[in-house]
Structures are given as structure tokens and as C-alpha cells.
Protein backbone atom coordinates (compact mmCIF):
# COMPACT_ATOMS: atom_id res chain seq x y z
CA MET A 1 32.43 11.15 15.43
CA SER A 2 28.75 10.35 14.82
CA ARG A 3 27.78 6.85 13.78
CA PRO A 4 26.25 6.13 10.36
CA ARG A 5 22.49 6.31 10.15
CA ARG A 6 20.83 2.89 10.30
CA LEU A 7 17.94 2.13 7.93
CA VAL A 8 16.31 -1.28 8.30
CA PHE A 9 14.26 -2.92 5.56
CA ALA A 10 12.01 -5.51 7.24
CA GLY A 11 10.94 -7.73 4.39
CA GLY A 12 14.24 -7.05 2.68
CA GLY A 13 13.76 -10.07 0.44
CA SER A 14 10.78 -8.40 -1.23
CA ILE A 15 10.90 -8.77 -5.01
CA GLN A 16 8.39 -5.97 -5.55
CA PHE A 17 10.04 -3.24 -3.46
CA ALA A 18 13.62 -4.19 -2.59
CA PRO A 19 15.27 -3.87 -6.04
CA SER A 20 13.86 -0.40 -6.68
CA LEU A 21 14.60 0.68 -3.10
CA LEU A 22 18.21 -0.43 -3.45
CA ALA A 23 18.53 1.45 -6.72
CA ASP A 24 17.09 4.60 -5.13
CA VAL A 25 19.57 4.32 -2.26
CA VAL A 26 22.56 3.85 -4.55
CA ARG A 27 21.50 6.76 -6.77
CA SER A 28 21.05 9.16 -3.86
CA GLU A 29 23.37 12.15 -3.62
CA LYS A 30 21.86 13.45 -0.37
CA LEU A 31 21.91 10.53 2.05
CA PRO A 32 24.49 10.66 4.86
CA GLU A 33 26.75 7.72 5.63
CA LEU A 34 24.31 4.86 5.96
CA THR A 35 24.07 1.25 7.07
CA LEU A 36 21.23 -0.40 5.17
CA VAL A 37 20.08 -3.58 6.89
CA LEU A 38 18.11 -6.13 4.89
CA HIS A 39 16.02 -8.31 7.19
CA ASP A 40 13.78 -11.17 6.13
CA ILE A 41 12.59 -14.45 7.63
CA ASP A 42 13.05 -16.19 4.24
CA PRO A 43 16.80 -16.82 3.93
CA ASP A 44 16.64 -17.66 0.22
CA ARG A 45 14.85 -14.43 -0.71
CA LEU A 46 17.15 -12.50 1.57
CA GLU A 47 20.24 -13.97 -0.07
CA LEU A 48 18.87 -13.10 -3.52
CA ILE A 49 18.38 -9.42 -2.66
CA PHE A 50 21.61 -9.23 -0.66
CA GLY A 51 23.39 -10.48 -3.77
CA LEU A 52 21.78 -7.68 -5.77
CA ALA A 53 22.81 -5.16 -3.12
CA LYS A 54 26.43 -6.28 -3.35
CA ARG A 55 26.34 -5.82 -7.14
CA LEU A 56 24.93 -2.29 -6.79
CA LEU A 57 27.07 -1.19 -3.83
CA PRO A 58 30.13 0.00 -5.85
CA ARG A 59 27.91 2.54 -7.62
CA ALA A 60 26.87 4.26 -4.38
CA ARG A 61 27.52 7.99 -4.35
CA PHE A 62 28.05 8.20 -0.58
CA PRO A 63 29.47 5.93 2.15
CA LEU A 64 27.08 2.97 2.17
CA HIS A 65 27.27 -0.28 4.11
CA VAL A 66 24.83 -3.16 3.56
CA GLU A 67 24.06 -5.97 5.98
CA ALA A 68 21.62 -8.89 5.84
CA THR A 69 20.14 -10.94 8.67
CA THR A 70 17.19 -13.15 9.49
CA ASP A 71 17.37 -12.08 13.16
CA PRO A 72 14.93 -9.21 13.85
CA ARG A 73 16.63 -8.11 17.05
CA LEU A 74 20.02 -7.96 15.39
CA ALA A 75 18.51 -6.02 12.48
CA LEU A 76 16.55 -3.48 14.51
CA ALA A 77 19.06 -2.66 17.24
CA ALA A 78 19.69 1.12 17.20
CA ALA A 79 17.74 1.67 13.97
CA ASP A 80 16.92 5.25 12.98
CA ALA A 81 14.19 4.25 10.54
CA VAL A 82 12.42 1.02 9.63
CA ILE A 83 10.68 0.11 6.39
CA ILE A 84 8.09 -2.67 6.59
CA SER A 85 7.33 -4.55 3.38
CA ILE A 86 6.41 -8.07 4.41
CA GLU A 87 4.42 -10.92 2.90
CA LEU A 88 3.83 -14.62 3.52
CA ASP A 89 3.78 -16.86 0.43
CA ARG A 90 2.30 -13.99 -1.55
CA PHE A 91 0.72 -15.56 -4.60
CA GLU A 92 0.03 -19.02 -3.17
CA THR A 93 -2.18 -17.50 -0.48
CA TRP A 94 -3.62 -14.77 -2.71
CA ASP A 95 -4.77 -17.35 -5.24
CA LEU A 96 -6.81 -19.00 -2.50
CA ASP A 97 -8.10 -15.64 -1.25
CA ARG A 98 -9.54 -15.06 -4.72
CA LYS A 99 -10.60 -18.56 -5.73
CA ILE A 100 -12.42 -19.78 -2.62
CA PRO A 101 -14.82 -16.82 -2.14
CA ALA A 102 -15.64 -16.79 -5.86
CA GLU A 103 -16.53 -20.48 -5.79
CA LEU A 104 -18.74 -19.91 -2.74
CA GLY A 105 -20.68 -16.95 -4.12
CA ALA A 106 -18.61 -13.92 -3.11
CA PRO A 107 -16.59 -12.79 -6.16
CA GLN A 108 -14.18 -9.93 -5.51
CA ALA A 109 -12.50 -7.16 -7.46
CA LEU A 110 -9.04 -8.22 -6.29
CA GLY A 111 -9.13 -9.94 -2.91
CA GLU A 112 -6.10 -8.08 -1.56
CA ASN A 113 -7.28 -5.19 0.63
CA GLY A 114 -11.05 -5.65 0.77
CA GLY A 115 -13.58 -8.45 0.76
CA PRO A 116 -12.93 -11.90 2.25
CA GLY A 117 -9.50 -11.97 0.61
CA GLY A 118 -8.56 -8.68 2.22
CA LEU A 119 -9.73 -9.97 5.60
CA PHE A 120 -7.64 -13.14 5.49
CA HIS A 121 -4.69 -11.30 3.97
CA ALA A 122 -4.79 -9.01 7.00
CA LEU A 123 -5.26 -11.86 9.48
CA ARG A 124 -2.04 -13.39 8.15
CA MET A 125 -0.04 -10.16 8.04
CA ILE A 126 -1.00 -8.05 11.07
CA PRO A 127 0.61 -10.24 13.78
CA GLY A 128 3.97 -10.14 11.98
CA ALA A 129 3.83 -6.38 11.57
CA VAL A 130 2.93 -5.91 15.24
CA ALA A 131 5.81 -8.20 16.25
CA ILE A 132 8.17 -5.93 14.31
CA GLY A 133 6.59 -2.91 16.00
CA LYS A 134 7.08 -4.43 19.45
CA THR A 135 10.74 -5.06 18.69
CA VAL A 136 11.09 -1.46 17.53
CA GLU A 137 9.58 -0.31 20.84
CA ALA A 138 12.14 -2.38 22.73
CA LEU A 139 15.28 -1.67 20.72
CA CYS A 140 14.81 1.61 18.82
CA PRO A 141 11.72 3.39 20.20
CA ASP A 142 12.53 6.69 18.46
CA ALA A 143 12.78 5.12 15.00
CA LEU A 144 10.44 6.21 12.22
CA VAL A 145 8.43 3.26 10.88
CA LEU A 146 7.28 3.38 7.25
CA ASN A 147 4.79 0.68 6.28
CA LEU A 148 4.56 -0.26 2.60
CA SER A 149 2.68 -3.52 3.11
CA ASN A 150 -0.90 -4.31 2.20
CA PRO A 151 -3.58 -4.39 3.38
CA MET A 152 -2.30 -0.90 4.20
CA SER A 153 -5.14 0.46 6.36
CA ARG A 154 -5.52 -2.72 8.40
CA MET A 155 -1.78 -3.18 8.87
CA CYS A 156 -1.36 0.42 10.02
CA LEU A 157 -4.34 0.16 12.35
CA GLY A 158 -2.87 -2.96 13.93
CA LEU A 159 0.41 -1.14 14.52
CA SER A 160 -1.43 1.94 15.81
CA VAL A 161 -3.54 -0.03 18.30
CA TYR A 162 -0.95 -2.50 19.56
CA THR A 163 2.26 -0.43 19.49
CA ARG A 164 3.46 3.13 20.08
CA VAL A 165 5.80 3.38 17.10
CA ARG A 166 6.15 6.53 15.00
CA LEU A 167 4.14 5.16 12.12
CA VAL A 168 3.44 6.36 8.58
CA GLY A 169 1.97 4.26 5.78
CA LEU A 170 3.07 5.03 2.22
CA CYS A 171 1.35 4.10 -1.04
CA HIS A 172 2.30 5.16 -4.57
CA GLU A 173 -1.20 5.08 -6.12
CA ILE A 174 -1.45 8.88 -6.08
CA HIS A 175 1.36 8.99 -8.65
CA GLY A 176 -0.48 6.58 -10.94
CA GLY A 177 -3.58 8.74 -10.62
CA ARG A 178 -1.59 11.82 -11.59
CA GLU A 179 -0.16 10.06 -14.68
CA TYR A 180 -3.67 9.04 -15.72
CA LEU A 181 -4.90 12.62 -15.36
CA SER A 182 -1.93 13.88 -17.34
CA LYS A 183 -2.88 11.69 -20.30
CA VAL A 184 -6.58 12.54 -20.11
CA LEU A 185 -6.16 16.30 -19.67
CA GLY A 186 -3.09 16.75 -21.83
CA VAL A 187 -1.19 18.47 -19.02
CA PRO A 188 2.34 17.38 -18.04
CA ALA A 189 2.19 15.39 -14.83
CA HIS A 190 4.64 17.68 -13.04
CA GLU A 191 2.36 20.66 -13.73
CA LEU A 192 -0.67 19.08 -12.06
CA VAL A 193 -1.46 20.14 -8.49
CA VAL A 194 -3.68 17.54 -6.88
CA GLU A 195 -5.12 16.81 -3.45
CA ALA A 196 -6.89 13.63 -2.44
CA SER A 197 -8.17 12.00 0.72
CA GLY A 198 -10.07 8.98 1.97
CA LEU A 199 -8.85 5.48 2.82
CA ASN A 200 -5.92 3.74 1.21
CA HIS A 201 -6.86 2.53 -2.31
CA PHE A 202 -10.13 4.45 -1.88
CA THR A 203 -9.01 8.08 -2.02
CA TRP A 204 -10.76 10.71 -4.12
CA PHE A 205 -9.37 13.77 -5.86
CA THR A 206 -10.69 16.81 -4.00
CA GLN A 207 -8.60 19.19 -6.11
CA ILE A 208 -7.14 19.00 -9.62
CA ARG A 209 -5.42 22.19 -10.80
CA ASP A 210 -2.69 23.24 -13.19
CA SER A 211 0.46 25.07 -12.10
CA ALA A 212 -1.29 28.44 -12.60
CA GLY A 213 -4.09 27.44 -10.22
CA LEU A 214 -6.79 26.77 -12.83
CA ASP A 215 -9.40 24.24 -11.64
CA LEU A 216 -9.28 21.32 -14.10
CA TYR A 217 -12.19 19.33 -12.66
CA PRO A 218 -14.72 21.10 -14.95
CA ARG A 219 -12.63 20.11 -17.99
CA LEU A 220 -12.43 16.51 -16.79
CA ARG A 221 -16.20 16.32 -16.24
CA LYS A 222 -16.88 17.83 -19.66
CA LEU A 223 -14.56 15.31 -21.31
CA MET A 224 -16.40 12.49 -19.55
CA LYS A 225 -19.70 13.83 -20.86
CA ASP A 226 -18.70 14.78 -24.42
CA SER A 227 -15.66 12.61 -25.21
CA PRO A 228 -15.73 9.58 -22.89
CA GLU A 229 -13.27 7.71 -25.07
CA ARG A 230 -10.65 10.19 -23.81
CA VAL A 231 -11.38 9.29 -20.20
CA VAL A 232 -12.39 5.63 -20.09
CA VAL A 233 -9.61 3.04 -20.23
CA ASP A 234 -9.70 -0.67 -19.53
CA ASP A 235 -8.63 -0.36 -15.89
CA ARG A 236 -10.93 2.59 -15.17
CA LEU A 237 -14.39 1.48 -16.26
CA LEU A 238 -15.90 1.67 -12.78
CA THR A 239 -14.13 4.84 -11.69
CA SER A 240 -15.13 6.55 -14.97
CA GLU A 241 -18.76 5.57 -14.43
CA LEU A 242 -18.63 7.00 -10.91
CA LEU A 243 -17.05 10.17 -12.30
CA ARG A 244 -19.95 10.48 -14.74
CA MET A 245 -22.53 9.95 -12.01
CA THR A 246 -20.99 11.91 -9.13
CA GLY A 247 -18.45 14.28 -10.66
CA LEU A 248 -15.72 12.85 -8.44
CA LEU A 249 -12.71 10.81 -9.60
CA CYS A 250 -11.12 8.05 -7.55
CA VAL A 251 -7.34 8.15 -7.39
CA THR A 252 -6.95 4.42 -7.90
CA ASN A 253 -8.05 2.12 -10.68
CA ASP A 254 -10.96 -0.32 -10.68
CA SER A 255 -9.11 -3.27 -9.15
CA HIS A 256 -8.41 -1.21 -6.03
CA ALA A 257 -11.48 1.02 -5.71
CA GLY A 258 -13.73 -1.93 -6.54
CA GLU A 259 -12.65 -3.76 -3.40
CA TYR A 260 -14.78 -1.42 -1.29
CA LEU A 261 -17.98 -1.38 -3.33
CA ARG A 262 -20.59 -4.13 -3.64
CA PHE A 263 -20.55 -3.91 -7.45
CA GLY A 264 -16.78 -3.60 -7.70
CA HIS A 265 -16.17 -7.10 -9.05
CA THR A 266 -17.98 -6.29 -12.32
CA PRO A 267 -16.51 -2.98 -13.53
CA CYS A 268 -18.33 -1.44 -16.48
CA CYS A 269 -19.01 1.95 -18.01
CA ARG A 270 -22.14 2.68 -20.01
CA ALA A 271 -20.23 5.12 -22.22
CA THR A 272 -17.93 2.32 -23.45
CA PRO A 273 -19.96 -0.91 -23.16
CA THR A 274 -17.63 -3.01 -25.32
CA LEU A 275 -14.41 -2.22 -23.43
CA THR A 276 -13.13 -5.26 -21.52
CA PRO A 277 -11.75 -4.82 -17.97
CA ALA A 278 -7.98 -5.07 -17.63
CA PRO A 279 -6.71 -8.35 -16.08
CA PHE A 280 -4.91 -6.57 -13.23
CA TYR A 281 -4.09 -9.66 -11.17
CA ARG A 282 -2.60 -11.53 -14.12
CA ASN A 283 -0.62 -8.47 -15.19
CA TYR A 284 0.64 -7.86 -11.66
CA ARG A 285 1.87 -11.42 -11.31
CA ALA A 286 3.68 -11.11 -14.63
CA ASP A 287 5.28 -7.83 -13.53
CA VAL A 288 6.62 -9.33 -10.31
CA ALA A 289 7.93 -12.38 -12.17
CA GLY A 290 9.69 -10.03 -14.58
CA ILE A 291 11.37 -8.17 -11.72
CA GLU A 292 12.65 -11.44 -10.28
CA ARG A 293 14.00 -12.53 -13.66
CA GLY A 294 15.82 -9.22 -13.94
CA VAL A 295 17.40 -9.65 -10.51
CA ARG A 296 18.57 -13.16 -11.32
CA GLU A 297 20.01 -11.99 -14.63
CA ILE A 298 22.01 -9.31 -12.81
CA LEU A 299 23.35 -11.93 -10.41
CA SER A 300 24.36 -13.97 -13.46
CA GLY A 301 26.38 -11.09 -14.82
CA ALA A 302 23.94 -8.82 -16.66
CA SER A 303 24.46 -5.05 -16.56
CA ILE A 304 23.11 -3.12 -13.58
CA ASP A 305 22.65 0.02 -15.68
CA PRO A 306 18.95 -0.61 -16.51
CA ILE A 307 17.90 -0.86 -12.86
CA LEU A 308 19.90 2.25 -11.95
CA SER A 309 18.49 4.30 -14.82
CA ALA A 310 14.83 3.79 -13.88
CA PRO A 311 13.73 5.84 -10.83
CA SER A 312 11.17 3.93 -8.78
CA GLY A 313 8.80 6.83 -8.19
CA GLU A 314 8.63 5.83 -4.51
CA GLU A 315 9.06 8.52 -1.84
CA VAL A 316 10.87 6.43 0.77
CA ILE A 317 14.43 7.49 -0.04
CA PRO A 318 13.64 11.19 -0.69
CA MET A 319 11.89 11.09 2.69
CA MET A 320 14.97 9.60 4.34
CA GLU A 321 17.20 12.22 2.70
CA ARG A 322 15.16 15.01 4.30
CA ALA A 323 14.56 13.24 7.61
CA PHE A 324 18.20 12.29 8.21
CA ALA A 325 19.12 15.94 7.56
CA GLY A 326 16.69 17.04 10.27
CA GLY A 327 13.94 18.14 7.90
CA SER A 328 10.67 16.80 6.53
CA LEU A 329 9.13 15.94 3.17
CA GLN A 330 5.70 17.01 1.98
CA SER A 331 3.79 14.08 0.49
CA GLU A 332 0.51 13.96 -1.40
CA ALA A 333 -0.49 10.75 0.36
CA ILE A 334 0.39 9.48 3.83
CA ASN A 335 -1.53 6.99 5.94
CA VAL A 336 -1.87 8.19 9.52
CA ARG A 337 -4.30 8.13 12.42
CA ASN A 338 -7.30 10.30 11.55
CA ASP A 339 -7.63 12.55 14.61
CA GLY A 340 -10.02 14.94 12.88
CA LEU A 341 -8.44 15.00 9.42
CA ILE A 342 -11.68 13.60 7.99
CA SER A 343 -14.19 14.80 10.54
CA GLU A 344 -16.95 12.27 9.89
CA LEU A 345 -14.67 9.27 10.43
CA PRO A 346 -13.48 7.91 13.81
CA SER A 347 -10.41 9.50 15.36
CA TRP A 348 -8.70 6.08 15.59
CA ALA A 349 -9.20 5.22 11.91
CA ILE A 350 -6.26 5.18 9.49
CA VAL A 351 -6.84 7.69 6.69
CA GLU A 352 -4.84 8.64 3.61
CA VAL A 353 -4.32 12.38 3.25
CA PRO A 354 -1.65 14.90 2.21
CA GLY A 355 0.91 15.53 4.92
CA ARG A 356 4.52 15.87 6.03
CA VAL A 357 6.91 13.17 7.22
CA SER A 358 9.98 13.58 9.43
CA LEU A 359 11.81 11.32 11.87
CA ALA A 360 9.16 12.36 14.40
CA GLY A 361 6.43 10.72 12.29
CA GLY A 362 3.70 11.89 9.94
CA GLN A 363 1.29 14.80 10.24
CA GLY A 364 -1.70 15.37 7.98
CA ASP A 365 -2.02 18.86 6.53
CA LYS A 366 -5.59 19.95 7.22
CA PRO A 367 -9.16 18.69 7.69
CA THR A 368 -10.81 17.47 4.49
CA GLU A 369 -14.44 17.31 3.43
CA LEU A 370 -15.76 14.37 1.40
CA PRO A 371 -19.28 13.75 0.07
CA ASP A 372 -21.67 11.64 2.11
CA TRP A 373 -21.66 8.65 -0.25
CA VAL A 374 -17.86 8.35 -0.03
CA LEU A 375 -17.92 8.85 3.74
CA ALA A 376 -20.55 6.14 4.11
CA ALA A 377 -18.41 3.62 2.25
CA CYS A 378 -15.35 4.65 4.26
CA ALA A 379 -17.21 4.42 7.57
CA VAL A 380 -18.15 0.79 6.95
CA GLN A 381 -14.56 -0.04 6.07
CA THR A 382 -13.19 1.53 9.26
CA ARG A 383 -15.37 -0.82 11.33
CA ILE A 384 -14.27 -3.77 9.20
CA HIS A 385 -10.67 -2.75 9.85
CA ARG A 386 -11.18 -2.59 13.63
CA LEU A 387 -12.88 -5.99 13.71
CA THR A 388 -10.07 -7.39 11.56
CA VAL A 389 -7.34 -6.13 13.88
CA ARG A 390 -9.11 -7.59 16.90
CA ALA A 391 -9.49 -10.94 15.16
CA ALA A 392 -5.90 -11.01 13.92
CA MET A 393 -4.38 -10.34 17.32
CA THR A 394 -6.69 -12.42 19.51
CA GLY A 395 -8.01 -15.18 17.25
CA ASP A 396 -11.54 -13.86 17.79
CA ARG A 397 -13.60 -15.80 15.22
CA GLN A 398 -16.72 -13.82 15.97
CA ALA A 399 -14.97 -10.55 15.14
CA ALA A 400 -13.70 -11.99 11.85
CA LEU A 401 -17.16 -13.27 10.93
CA GLU A 402 -18.74 -9.91 11.77
CA ALA A 403 -16.20 -8.21 9.49
CA LEU A 404 -17.49 -10.40 6.66
CA LEU A 405 -21.14 -9.77 7.55
CA ILE A 406 -20.77 -6.03 6.91
CA ASP A 407 -18.39 -6.34 3.95
CA PRO A 408 -20.11 -5.08 0.77
CA SER A 409 -18.69 -7.91 -1.34
CA VAL A 410 -20.42 -10.61 0.76
CA PRO A 411 -24.03 -11.09 -0.42
CA ASP A 412 -25.64 -12.78 2.60
CA PRO A 413 -24.96 -14.30 6.05
CA ALA A 414 -24.85 -17.90 4.84
CA THR A 415 -22.17 -17.03 2.31
CA ALA A 416 -20.22 -15.20 5.00
CA GLU A 417 -20.18 -18.33 7.17
CA ARG A 418 -19.20 -20.63 4.30
CA VAL A 419 -16.42 -18.36 3.08
CA PHE A 420 -15.05 -17.82 6.57
CA ALA A 421 -14.92 -21.54 7.33
CA ALA A 422 -13.32 -22.41 3.99
CA LEU A 423 -10.65 -19.69 4.12
CA LEU A 424 -9.85 -20.46 7.75
CA GLU A 425 -9.26 -24.09 6.83
CA ALA A 426 -7.18 -23.15 3.78
CA HIS A 427 -4.94 -20.76 5.73
CA ARG A 428 -4.87 -22.55 9.09
CA ALA A 429 -1.08 -22.90 9.02
CA TYR A 430 -0.72 -19.11 8.89
CA LEU A 431 -3.23 -18.35 11.65
CA PRO A 432 -1.99 -19.81 14.95
CA ALA A 433 -4.04 -17.30 16.96
CA PHE A 434 -7.21 -19.01 15.75
CA GLU A 435 -6.07 -22.32 17.15
CA ARG A 436 -5.93 -20.63 20.55
CA GLY A 437 -8.98 -18.41 20.03
């Protein structure tokens, strides 16, 4: 008799992803008998989500077992697939990543995946992800590893360089981009056929069609020209302006795309000069706090029906359904090693492209062409990513400083030095490699 499949959620105490992941698992009608292992280094967060899992477990539609442990080796032993969604003191550190550079002359769009904040976010997160990858190599080398953590490109590059795991990075921004297009174009989201490529949080629609194959890009460009109020919304001032100027639409909103452009911290659109940018960071914090309140209410006796009636929109569990059955799932956005998928970028870079995912890993569909101005921005970021990974794993201060010197959100060398010194001091407790470096 075959053993149950073993799916490990590293970062299983995650408030952002764990509740929706658990709901997707419980709702599934296609998963085989499964042991879901919640693993986290924070015992309090782990206990919170484990409590939620125990409330949801009776609703499972298949044989489901749930375990929780703070021991990574116990969690990962004989795993078939591993989800990584890890963070360290998320908002406490992010507040500093945003505040300190702004005070020193380097304001950022978000400070999560790009800019000085993105650098130090990655310096804190990459060693932990690589440690998980090394344990996977030792205990379950054939396991599929799905990374959900930001900074996505830098985390995946660290895992790609320092481990040999079967790695795929997953991000849901493509679905938000589709919903936005649906509202603008008046076409049901499920009837839109889109393709996009680039770097995570900096992908660009290369194709927008309806279900009959009609190219909808001309309609979108005409709307931007003749009826901009249909296109421009408060979280897409910058991307709408770039659509007007270049004819190309970014998949993500301003807070994400703006992290990779020197003017990204001041989104504006000349067609709607009075529209105020959306406060993404404040809204995001409120959303996460709301999720945590909901979890605690369930543990206090509230109904679990609301969480089970709201599909997450994430692809992780549909992917596992196909993979555990020996198949694969086509995805509009996977983060994988480039290897010619975007010919002008390095083979080692992590790119986000359409592709398929199975237990063997991820495979991009086909080579993609992007315009020179997008490629130029991406090329700079790939070098920043490589310098970041080197710095994170070795404590190389020079590499970290050089990453800031070429970052478009840093205005000059003196600011780069000041910001680096201040953030290093603020986050010293999270960066032991720099004490040795």
C-alpha cells in the first residue's frame, strides 16, 4: 500500500498565505491521501495556524492528515513537495526598509522587492531559504519546491545558485492584471487569453486576446488615448502613463512596477493629474491584519464557512492535484531559470514566463521578445540580484554596496553609502553573515 503524499509548508505560520492554502486543500476533490506538514520557526504563529487547520480538517473531502513542527528536518523528511513562504518580523523590518532610505534621500515605491528595501529584505531572507533548500537536498532531493516568498527573483536566484532543488517560483499578480483588463475592456476575465514575461513584479503583457483570438491591445491603446478615465485608476497611474507612451501594459500595479524604475516612487499620469496614488502599503497592512482577526475569530468559535467559500485564486493546490496524479499544470506565470527564454537576459537569471509545472519542476513555454527599454531595465535588475545573492550568502559588503550603486532608486554614491550603513545597523541582528564578512 502506497504511503500518503507529503506536502510541507515551510513558513506554515504565514498569515498571508496559510489560511487560504488550508482552505484550498480542504476544498480539493482531486488530491490523494495527503499529510500536510506545517513548519515554522515561530511557535506562536505555528500554533495559531495549526489551530485553524484542526478546525478546517473535518471538512476535508479526502483523507487528510495535518502535522505541525518547528523542526525543519522532521518536517522535510520524505517530502514530495515543499512550499516556501517565509518572513522575519515582516512589518517591523519593512517599516525600517521604507523609512530609513526615505529619510536619507532615497524614497522608494514600496521597498519590498526593489531599491534599498528590496536589497535588505533579500539579505535577511535568502540565507533562510537556502537553508531550507539544503535540507531538501539532504532529506527529499526529488521534492518539488515552490517558492511564494518575496523578494521572489532574488530568493529564487539564491536557491538556484546555492542548491540543486527542483525550483519554481509562483506569484499571483498575473491574475490581478487579468481582472484589471477585464474591467477596462469589458470582457469577462475567463475569456481573456493573455501572455506576459519579464521579471517578477515587472512583467509585461505581450499578448491580450479574447477567446475568439481577437487582439485586444489596439482597443486598450485606443481607450488610453480617447477615454483615459476608463483605464487610469489610483494604483495604475504610472503603468497607464507608460502604456500611453510605449503601447505596452505592465502586469502589476504601480507599487510593484515602480520598484524597478527611477521615477517609480512618484506615480502620476498626465491624463488624470488630480488622481491620488493608492496607499498600497497601508492597505496591505490592513488586509493582513484583517486576515489574522478572521483566524482568531474562527479559533474563538466563529463559522468556518466564509473562509471555505472564498477560493484563494492561488495555483499551488491545483498544481499539486495535477502533479501528484503524475501530470502537470499550465501556468501563465512561473519563475524559473532563464536559459534562453528571454534571449537578451543572462541564462542564470530568474525570469517570469508562461510554463508548465510538474513534480519534475518548471519549464517555460517558449522564447519571448521584449522591447529594448524593458530589457534594459531587466538587465540592470539581474545584476542587482546576483550581487544581492553573493552578499546575502557571504556577508560581502562590497557586493551589497555595488547593488545599491546601480539601483535606479538610489540617486548618488554618497546616498548609497549612507543608506547601506544605516540599514545594516538597523538590521544587524538579522544579518549574522555581515558580522563574519
